[in-house]
C-alpha atoms as a PDB file:
ATOM      1  CA  MET A   1     -38.928  -0.726  20.763  1.00  0.00           C
ATOM      2  CA  PRO A   2     -36.404   1.665  19.125  1.00  0.00           C
ATOM      3  CA  ASN A   3     -36.828   5.315  21.043  1.00  0.00           C
ATOM      4  CA  SER A   4     -34.160   6.464  18.074  1.00  0.00           C
ATOM      5  CA  SER A   5     -35.496   9.188  15.409  1.00  0.00           C
ATOM      6  CA  ASN A   6     -32.474   7.260  13.650  1.00  0.00           C
ATOM      7  CA  THR A   7     -33.559   3.905  13.296  1.00  0.00           C
ATOM      8  CA  GLY A   8     -33.643   2.265  10.011  1.00  0.00           C
ATOM      9  CA  ASN A   9     -31.263   5.277   8.563  1.00  0.00           C
ATOM     10  CA  TYR A  10     -28.298   4.114   6.422  1.00  0.00           C
ATOM     11  CA  LEU A  11     -25.420   6.664   6.369  1.00  0.00           C
ATOM     12  CA  SER A  12     -22.885   6.311   3.780  1.00  0.00           C
ATOM     13  CA  TYR A  13     -19.146   7.552   4.115  1.00  0.00           C
ATOM     14  CA  THR A  14     -17.026   7.406   1.048  1.00  0.00           C
ATOM     15  CA  ILE A  15     -12.917   7.090   2.752  1.00  0.00           C
ATOM     16  CA  PRO A  16     -10.491   8.180   0.059  1.00  0.00           C
ATOM     17  CA  SER A  17      -8.109   5.513  -1.382  1.00  0.00           C
ATOM     18  CA  SER A  18      -5.300   8.045   0.013  1.00  0.00           C
ATOM     19  CA  LYS A  19      -6.538   7.117   3.831  1.00  0.00           C
ATOM     20  CA  LEU A  20      -5.449   3.272   3.191  1.00  0.00           C
ATOM     21  CA  VAL A  21      -2.297   1.378   3.118  1.00  0.00           C
ATOM     22  CA  PRO A  22      -0.683  -1.305   1.230  1.00  0.00           C
ATOM     23  CA  GLY A  23      -1.569  -4.498   3.212  1.00  0.00           C
ATOM     24  CA  GLU A  24      -4.096  -4.113   5.952  1.00  0.00           C
ATOM     25  CA  ASN A  25      -6.009  -1.448   7.335  1.00  0.00           C
ATOM     26  CA  ILE A  26      -8.203  -1.441  10.681  1.00  0.00           C
ATOM     27  CA  LEU A  27     -11.785   0.248  10.005  1.00  0.00           C
ATOM     28  CA  ALA A  28     -13.183   1.570  13.286  1.00  0.00           C
ATOM     29  CA  ILE A  29     -17.011   1.680  13.860  1.00  0.00           C
ATOM     30  CA  GLN A  30     -18.700   3.944  16.562  1.00  0.00           C
ATOM     31  CA  LEU A  31     -22.504   2.494  18.053  1.00  0.00           C
ATOM     32  CA  HIS A  32     -23.977   4.740  20.559  1.00  0.00           C
ATOM     33  CA  GLN A  33     -27.039   4.259  22.172  1.00  0.00           C
ATOM     34  CA  THR A  34     -29.780   6.678  23.009  1.00  0.00           C
ATOM     35  CA  SER A  35     -29.667   6.027  26.643  1.00  0.00           C
ATOM     36  CA  ILE A  36     -27.426   3.869  29.041  1.00  0.00           C
ATOM     37  CA  THR A  37     -31.030   1.625  29.929  1.00  0.00           C
ATOM     38  CA  SER A  38     -31.896   1.526  26.006  1.00  0.00           C
ATOM     39  CA  GLY A  39     -31.477  -2.413  24.782  1.00  0.00           C
ATOM     40  CA  ASP A  40     -32.241  -1.330  21.018  1.00  0.00           C
ATOM     41  CA  ALA A  41     -28.606  -1.489  19.911  1.00  0.00           C
ATOM     42  CA  LEU A  42     -28.166  -2.416  15.980  1.00  0.00           C
ATOM     43  CA  LEU A  43     -25.393  -2.087  13.913  1.00  0.00           C
ATOM     44  CA  ASP A  44     -25.355  -2.978  10.094  1.00  0.00           C
ATOM     45  CA  CYS A  45     -22.187  -2.398   8.330  1.00  0.00           C
ATOM     46  CA  GLU A  46     -20.833  -2.912   4.890  1.00  0.00           C
ATOM     47  CA  LEU A  47     -17.378  -1.561   3.578  1.00  0.00           C
ATOM     48  CA  SER A  48     -17.627  -2.069  -0.421  1.00  0.00           C
ATOM     49  CA  ALA A  49     -14.549  -1.102  -3.138  1.00  0.00           C
ATOM     50  CA  ILE A  50     -14.913   0.232  -6.413  1.00  0.00           C
ATOM     51  CA  TYR A  51     -11.547  -0.933  -8.099  1.00  0.00           C
ATOM     52  CA  ALA A  52     -10.477   1.925 -11.185  1.00  0.00           C
ATOM     53  CA  PRO A  53      -8.610  -0.010 -13.688  1.00  0.00           C
ATOM     54  CA  PRO A  54      -5.811   1.934 -14.802  1.00  0.00           C
ATOM     55  CA  PHE A  55      -5.633   3.926 -18.116  1.00  0.00           C
ATOM     56  CA  GLU A  56      -2.755   2.702 -19.529  1.00  0.00           C
ATOM     57  CA  LEU A  57      -1.870   1.122 -22.978  1.00  0.00           C
ATOM     58  CA  LYS A  58       0.164  -1.583 -22.596  1.00  0.00           C
ATOM     59  CA  LEU A  59       2.668  -3.134 -25.388  1.00  0.00           C
ATOM     60  CA  GLY A  60       4.158  -6.701 -25.255  1.00  0.00           C
ATOM     61  CA  ARG A  61       4.523 -10.091 -27.535  1.00  0.00           C
ATOM     62  CA  ILE A  62       2.819 -12.977 -27.589  1.00  0.00           C
ATOM     63  CA  ASN A  63       5.708 -14.988 -29.535  1.00  0.00           C
ATOM     64  CA  SER A  64       6.695 -12.864 -32.026  1.00  0.00           C
ATOM     65  CA  MET A  65       3.607 -11.305 -32.726  1.00  0.00           C
ATOM     66  CA  PRO A  66       2.979  -7.521 -30.937  1.00  0.00           C
ATOM     67  CA  LEU A  67       0.086  -7.261 -28.875  1.00  0.00           C
ATOM     68  CA  LEU A  68      -2.001  -4.435 -27.281  1.00  0.00           C
ATOM     69  CA  TRP A  69      -3.629  -4.753 -24.081  1.00  0.00           C
ATOM     70  CA  TRP A  70      -5.378  -2.147 -21.605  1.00  0.00           C
ATOM     71  CA  PHE A  71      -8.093  -2.863 -18.908  1.00  0.00           C
ATOM     72  CA  ASP A  72     -10.889   0.151 -19.169  1.00  0.00           C
ATOM     73  CA  GLY A  73     -13.569  -1.673 -20.982  1.00  0.00           C
ATOM     74  CA  THR A  74     -15.169   2.012 -22.234  1.00  0.00           C
ATOM     75  CA  ALA A  75     -11.615   2.985 -23.922  1.00  0.00           C
ATOM     76  CA  ILE A  76     -11.112   3.613 -27.321  1.00  0.00           C
ATOM     77  CA  LEU A  77      -8.203   2.362 -28.857  1.00  0.00           C
ATOM     78  CA  GLU A  78      -6.924   5.442 -32.084  1.00  0.00           C
ATOM     79  CA  GLN A  79      -4.322   5.168 -34.353  1.00  0.00           C
ATOM     80  CA  THR A  80      -2.161   7.718 -36.773  1.00  0.00           C
ATOM     81  CA  THR A  81       0.604   7.968 -38.445  1.00  0.00           C
ATOM     82  CA  ASP A  82       1.785  11.796 -38.236  1.00  0.00           C
ATOM     83  CA  PHE A  83       0.034  12.909 -35.251  1.00  0.00           C
ATOM     84  CA  SER A  84      -2.589  15.431 -37.154  1.00  0.00           C
ATOM     85  CA  SER A  85      -5.569  13.107 -37.500  1.00  0.00           C
ATOM     86  CA  TRP A  86      -6.372  10.235 -35.354  1.00  0.00           C
ATOM     87  CA  THR A  87      -8.764   7.258 -35.751  1.00  0.00           C
ATOM     88  CA  PRO A  88     -10.512   4.403 -34.248  1.00  0.00           C
ATOM     89  CA  VAL A  89      -9.477   1.441 -34.741  1.00  0.00           C
ATOM     90  CA  PRO A  90     -12.691  -0.533 -36.172  1.00  0.00           C
ATOM     91  CA  GLY A  91     -13.408  -3.506 -33.662  1.00  0.00           C
ATOM     92  CA  ALA A  92     -10.572  -3.122 -31.199  1.00  0.00           C
ATOM     93  CA  ALA A  93     -10.598  -5.104 -28.151  1.00  0.00           C
ATOM     94  CA  SER A  94      -8.194  -5.366 -25.261  1.00  0.00           C
ATOM     95  CA  PRO A  95      -6.500  -8.182 -26.181  1.00  0.00           C
ATOM     96  CA  LEU A  96      -5.470  -6.830 -29.486  1.00  0.00           C
ATOM     97  CA  PRO A  97      -2.865  -8.956 -31.721  1.00  0.00           C
ATOM     98  CA  PHE A  98      -1.788  -6.780 -34.563  1.00  0.00           C
ATOM     99  CA  THR A  99       1.140  -6.750 -37.337  1.00  0.00           C
ATOM    100  CA  PRO A 100       3.466  -3.702 -38.347  1.00  0.00           C
ATOM    101  CA  THR A 101       3.095  -2.664 -41.792  1.00  0.00           C
ATOM    102  CA  GLY A 102       6.719  -1.537 -41.765  1.00  0.00           C
ATOM    103  CA  GLN A 103       5.564   2.109 -41.912  1.00  0.00           C
ATOM    104  CA  LYS A 104       5.260   4.370 -38.699  1.00  0.00           C
ATOM    105  CA  GLY A 105       2.063   3.971 -36.421  1.00  0.00           C
ATOM    106  CA  PHE A 106       1.159   5.222 -32.888  1.00  0.00           C
ATOM    107  CA  PHE A 107      -1.505   4.292 -31.055  1.00  0.00           C
ATOM    108  CA  ARG A 108      -3.380   5.980 -28.082  1.00  0.00           C
ATOM    109  CA  LEU A 109      -6.436   5.403 -26.088  1.00  0.00           C
ATOM    110  CA  ARG A 110      -9.276   7.657 -25.438  1.00  0.00           C
ATOM    111  CA  ARG A 111     -12.142   7.805 -23.127  1.00  0.00           C
END
C-alpha cells in the first residue's frame, strides 16, 4: 500500500517554448520513493504541446488570381481604401481569392 500523501495527485508544469531548441530536446523527470524499501513507485507522465498559429496575413497568387490566406481561424479579415475606417469582409474565410477593383485597397486581420 502506498505510504505517500501525494498518491493520485497529478502535478502540471509549463515549459516555455523559449526553453526548447529546434530539433531534438530531452526532458528529464525525477521520481522519488517515500523510503528506500518501499515498492510503490509509480510514474505517469504526459507531454502536451499547444501550437499557436502565426497571426499573419499572406498574399500570393494561384494562376493569375490574387489570394489572401491566414492560419488563425478566429481572425476577422477587414478592408479599407483610406485607413480612416475598416470594415469586415463579409463571409471571408482563408484562403480567399479576390479580384482587384482597380482602386487602392488594404486588408488586415483583427482578433
